[in-house]
């Protein structure tokens, strides 16, 4: 058994101590390590069931892709997180496709779908963990859908900019307008117009390849405003 795998899973999987030694050994044997460069696809392009993806380092972006190629970011995964939506063959209730890309250079462990499926059948603690994790992610998916369907675009953009600022620190978001549009599931022209408005209001400063936040307090007021 890989000690790195066992030590890592013991730290992050609450069900680990509920497994017998054979189950612990099997899950580590059926777990592969992989590194992905920024922008590289991990799940969703092949139509296959990748399995459960555990993030060791980096950031993964989970999104949906329309037939026209429009992307909607659902949520991000950080070190210690696990993606169950990439294991639709384990949780049969997952009936829609998601894509997972590395947002930055990332290290992951991928637990094979077969091994994880067997564990969920054999061990109620593993099944509960898988369902709880999937439910939490569905809550984030519903939040993303709520933003798109019911939130005005100025508020959506303010929320997005503040979230990115909190993630990266500093006062500048290192994303192009095209990237912001892609992550928000919008058109570049719409993002450009709203950023121009924010700029004329003294909220942000738009530069090549980034957006500098000038008035964070007022941006927070827009983000917290009641939807019209």
Protein backbone atom coordinates (compact mmCIF):
# COMPACT_ATOMS: atom_id res chain seq x y z
CA UNK A 1 0.00 0.00 0.00
CA UNK A 2 1.27 3.48 -0.85
CA UNK A 3 1.96 5.27 2.42
CA UNK A 4 1.43 8.65 0.74
CA UNK A 5 -2.02 7.54 -0.34
CA UNK A 6 -2.91 6.03 3.03
CA UNK A 7 -1.68 9.03 5.04
CA UNK A 8 -3.46 11.49 2.77
CA UNK A 9 -6.77 9.63 2.74
CA UNK A 10 -6.64 9.04 6.50
CA UNK A 11 -6.37 12.80 6.92
CA UNK A 12 -9.21 13.82 4.60
CA UNK A 13 -11.61 10.85 4.41
CA UNK A 14 -13.75 10.53 7.57
CA UNK A 15 -14.65 6.96 6.60
CA UNK A 16 -11.01 5.79 6.47
CA UNK A 17 -10.94 4.23 9.95
CA UNK A 18 -14.18 2.39 9.12
CA UNK A 19 -12.43 0.41 6.38
CA UNK A 20 -10.73 -2.92 6.96
CA UNK A 21 -7.10 -3.40 5.94
CA UNK A 22 -8.01 -5.08 2.64
CA UNK A 23 -10.33 -2.23 1.68
CA UNK A 24 -7.65 0.33 2.55
CA UNK A 25 -5.12 -1.58 0.48
CA UNK A 26 -7.50 -2.01 -2.48
CA UNK A 27 -8.45 1.66 -2.67
CA UNK A 28 -4.80 2.73 -2.67
CA UNK A 29 -3.88 0.14 -5.31
CA UNK A 30 -6.77 1.41 -7.45
CA UNK A 31 -5.76 5.05 -7.01
CA UNK A 32 -3.54 6.74 -9.59
CA UNK A 33 -1.52 9.94 -9.23
CA UNK A 34 -1.50 12.53 -11.99
CA UNK A 35 -0.26 16.05 -12.66
CA UNK A 36 -2.11 18.48 -14.93
CA UNK A 37 -0.93 21.76 -16.38
CA UNK A 38 -3.02 24.93 -16.32
CA UNK A 39 -6.03 24.60 -18.64
CA UNK A 40 -5.66 20.85 -19.14
CA UNK A 41 -8.85 18.78 -19.12
CA UNK A 42 -9.17 16.05 -16.48
CA UNK A 43 -12.74 14.87 -16.97
CA UNK A 44 -15.51 15.29 -19.49
CA UNK A 45 -13.98 15.10 -22.96
CA UNK A 46 -14.04 11.34 -23.41
CA UNK A 47 -17.50 10.45 -22.13
CA UNK A 48 -15.95 7.89 -19.78
CA UNK A 49 -16.46 7.67 -16.03
CA UNK A 50 -13.19 9.05 -14.67
CA UNK A 51 -13.79 8.16 -11.04
CA UNK A 52 -13.51 10.19 -7.84
CA UNK A 53 -10.96 12.99 -8.17
CA UNK A 54 -9.09 14.04 -5.02
CA UNK A 55 -7.17 17.33 -5.17
CA UNK A 56 -3.69 17.12 -3.63
CA UNK A 57 -2.56 20.56 -4.79
CA UNK A 58 -3.71 23.28 -7.17
CA UNK A 59 -7.24 24.30 -8.19
CA UNK A 60 -9.73 22.49 -10.42
CA UNK A 61 -12.68 24.15 -12.16
CA UNK A 62 -15.90 22.21 -12.67
CA UNK A 63 -18.23 23.47 -15.38
CA UNK A 64 -21.02 22.60 -17.79
CA UNK A 65 -20.68 23.00 -21.55
CA UNK A 66 -23.57 23.72 -23.91
CA UNK A 67 -23.87 22.37 -27.46
CA UNK A 68 -22.85 25.84 -28.68
CA UNK A 69 -19.66 25.71 -26.60
CA UNK A 70 -20.82 28.09 -23.87
CA UNK A 71 -19.32 27.31 -20.46
CA UNK A 72 -20.91 27.83 -17.04
CA UNK A 73 -18.59 27.49 -14.05
CA UNK A 74 -20.28 25.48 -11.29
CA UNK A 75 -17.63 25.51 -8.57
CA UNK A 76 -13.93 25.13 -7.88
CA UNK A 77 -12.09 22.40 -6.00
CA UNK A 78 -9.15 23.09 -3.72
CA UNK A 79 -6.58 20.87 -1.92
CA UNK A 80 -8.42 18.33 0.23
CA UNK A 81 -11.61 18.46 -1.89
CA UNK A 82 -12.99 15.51 -3.79
CA UNK A 83 -15.12 15.60 -6.94
CA UNK A 84 -17.91 13.03 -7.00
CA UNK A 85 -19.66 14.47 -10.05
CA UNK A 86 -16.88 12.96 -12.15
CA UNK A 87 -17.95 9.53 -10.85
CA UNK A 88 -21.44 9.31 -12.34
CA UNK A 89 -21.03 5.55 -12.69
CA UNK A 90 -20.71 5.34 -8.88
CA UNK A 91 -23.67 7.59 -8.07
CA UNK A 92 -26.36 6.63 -10.56
CA UNK A 93 -28.48 9.66 -9.62
CA UNK A 94 -26.00 11.94 -11.41
CA UNK A 95 -27.59 12.29 -14.84
CA UNK A 96 -25.84 15.35 -16.31
CA UNK A 97 -22.34 15.78 -17.67
CA UNK A 98 -19.74 18.02 -16.08
CA UNK A 99 -16.25 18.94 -17.19
CA UNK A 100 -13.24 19.34 -14.92
CA UNK A 101 -10.14 21.34 -15.89
CA UNK A 102 -7.01 22.28 -13.99
CA UNK A 103 -7.24 26.03 -13.38
CA UNK A 104 -3.59 26.09 -12.31
CA UNK A 105 -0.92 23.40 -12.33
CA UNK A 106 -2.44 20.71 -10.12
CA UNK A 107 -1.74 17.33 -8.56
CA UNK A 108 -4.60 14.87 -8.13
CA UNK A 109 -5.33 11.35 -7.02
CA UNK A 110 -7.97 9.57 -9.10
CA UNK A 111 -9.76 6.68 -7.40
CA UNK A 112 -10.99 4.26 -10.05
CA UNK A 113 -14.75 4.19 -10.45
CA UNK A 114 -14.88 0.41 -9.96
CA UNK A 115 -12.98 0.49 -6.66
CA UNK A 116 -15.06 3.34 -5.28
CA UNK A 117 -18.31 1.74 -6.43
CA UNK A 118 -17.40 -1.49 -4.61
CA UNK A 119 -16.62 0.45 -1.44
CA UNK A 120 -19.96 2.26 -1.51
CA UNK A 121 -21.72 -1.11 -1.81
CA UNK A 122 -19.70 -2.73 0.98
CA UNK A 123 -19.46 0.13 3.47
CA UNK A 124 -22.31 2.39 4.56
CA UNK A 125 -19.84 5.04 5.80
CA UNK A 126 -18.34 5.37 2.32
CA UNK A 127 -21.79 5.57 0.76
CA UNK A 128 -22.83 8.30 3.22
CA UNK A 129 -19.63 10.24 2.48
CA UNK A 130 -20.20 10.02 -1.29
CA UNK A 131 -23.82 11.16 -1.02
CA UNK A 132 -22.99 13.97 1.43
CA UNK A 133 -20.18 15.22 -0.82
CA UNK A 134 -22.38 15.11 -3.93
CA UNK A 135 -25.19 16.92 -2.09
CA UNK A 136 -22.85 19.71 -1.01
CA UNK A 137 -21.68 20.14 -4.60
CA UNK A 138 -25.26 20.19 -5.86
CA UNK A 139 -25.89 23.08 -3.48
CA UNK A 140 -23.07 24.98 -5.18
CA UNK A 141 -24.49 24.06 -8.59
CA UNK A 142 -27.89 25.44 -7.56
CA UNK A 143 -26.24 28.66 -6.33
CA UNK A 144 -24.57 29.05 -9.74
CA UNK A 145 -27.90 28.47 -11.50
CA UNK A 146 -29.65 30.93 -9.17
CA UNK A 147 -27.11 33.60 -10.04
CA UNK A 148 -27.60 33.08 -13.76
CA UNK A 149 -31.40 32.91 -13.66
CA UNK A 150 -32.36 35.45 -11.01
CA UNK A 151 -29.47 37.83 -10.34
CA UNK A 152 -28.89 41.05 -12.30
CA UNK A 153 -25.64 41.01 -14.25
CA UNK A 154 -24.06 43.90 -12.37
CA UNK A 155 -24.57 42.00 -9.11
CA UNK A 156 -23.29 38.74 -10.65
CA UNK A 157 -20.15 40.45 -11.87
CA UNK A 158 -19.57 42.15 -8.52
CA UNK A 159 -19.92 38.79 -6.73
CA UNK A 160 -17.54 37.16 -9.22
CA UNK A 161 -14.89 39.88 -8.88
CA UNK A 162 -15.02 39.79 -5.09
CA UNK A 163 -14.80 35.98 -5.03
CA UNK A 164 -11.75 36.07 -7.32
CA UNK A 165 -10.18 38.79 -5.20
CA UNK A 166 -10.67 36.72 -2.03
CA UNK A 167 -9.12 33.69 -3.69
CA UNK A 168 -6.02 35.39 -5.09
CA UNK A 169 -5.44 38.21 -2.60
CA UNK A 170 -4.11 41.63 -3.55
CA UNK A 171 -6.23 44.12 -5.48
CA UNK A 172 -5.91 42.84 -9.07
CA UNK A 173 -7.69 39.96 -10.78
CA UNK A 174 -5.42 38.39 -13.39
CA UNK A 175 -8.12 37.34 -15.83
CA UNK A 176 -8.93 38.65 -19.29
CA UNK A 177 -12.45 39.79 -20.13
CA UNK A 178 -12.80 36.71 -22.31
CA UNK A 179 -11.86 34.45 -19.38
CA UNK A 180 -14.29 36.24 -17.05
CA UNK A 181 -17.07 35.78 -19.61
CA UNK A 182 -16.25 32.10 -19.98
CA UNK A 183 -16.21 31.49 -16.24
CA UNK A 184 -19.49 33.36 -15.79
CA UNK A 185 -21.24 31.71 -18.73
CA UNK A 186 -21.78 35.04 -20.44
CA UNK A 187 -20.69 36.87 -23.59
CA UNK A 188 -17.46 38.88 -23.69
CA UNK A 189 -19.36 41.93 -24.97
CA UNK A 190 -21.67 41.87 -21.93
CA UNK A 191 -18.73 41.63 -19.53
CA UNK A 192 -16.90 44.39 -21.39
CA UNK A 193 -19.88 46.75 -21.16
CA UNK A 194 -20.39 46.14 -17.45
CA UNK A 195 -16.68 46.52 -16.67
CA UNK A 196 -16.70 49.79 -18.61
CA UNK A 197 -19.64 50.95 -16.48
CA UNK A 198 -17.86 49.87 -13.28
CA UNK A 199 -14.79 51.76 -14.50
CA UNK A 200 -16.68 55.01 -15.17
CA UNK A 201 -18.19 54.69 -11.66
CA UNK A 202 -14.71 54.42 -10.17
CA UNK A 203 -15.17 50.83 -8.96
CA UNK A 204 -12.51 49.15 -11.08
CA UNK A 205 -9.67 49.91 -13.44
CA UNK A 206 -9.53 47.75 -16.53
CA UNK A 207 -6.05 46.98 -17.84
CA UNK A 208 -4.66 44.57 -20.39
CA UNK A 209 -5.04 41.05 -18.97
CA UNK A 210 -6.55 42.07 -15.66
CA UNK A 211 -9.00 44.09 -13.56
CA UNK A 212 -7.85 46.21 -10.61
CA UNK A 213 -10.39 46.79 -7.85
CA UNK A 214 -10.49 50.46 -6.88
CA UNK A 215 -13.52 50.69 -4.58
CA UNK A 216 -14.06 47.35 -2.85
CA UNK A 217 -16.62 48.75 -0.38
CA UNK A 218 -18.98 49.95 -3.12
CA UNK A 219 -18.50 46.72 -5.04
CA UNK A 220 -19.58 44.83 -1.93
CA UNK A 221 -22.73 46.98 -1.75
CA UNK A 222 -23.63 46.00 -5.31
CA UNK A 223 -22.94 42.32 -4.57
CA UNK A 224 -25.12 42.42 -1.44
CA UNK A 225 -27.99 44.31 -3.04
CA UNK A 226 -31.36 42.57 -3.29
CA UNK A 227 -32.02 41.15 -6.72
CA UNK A 228 -34.47 43.24 -8.70
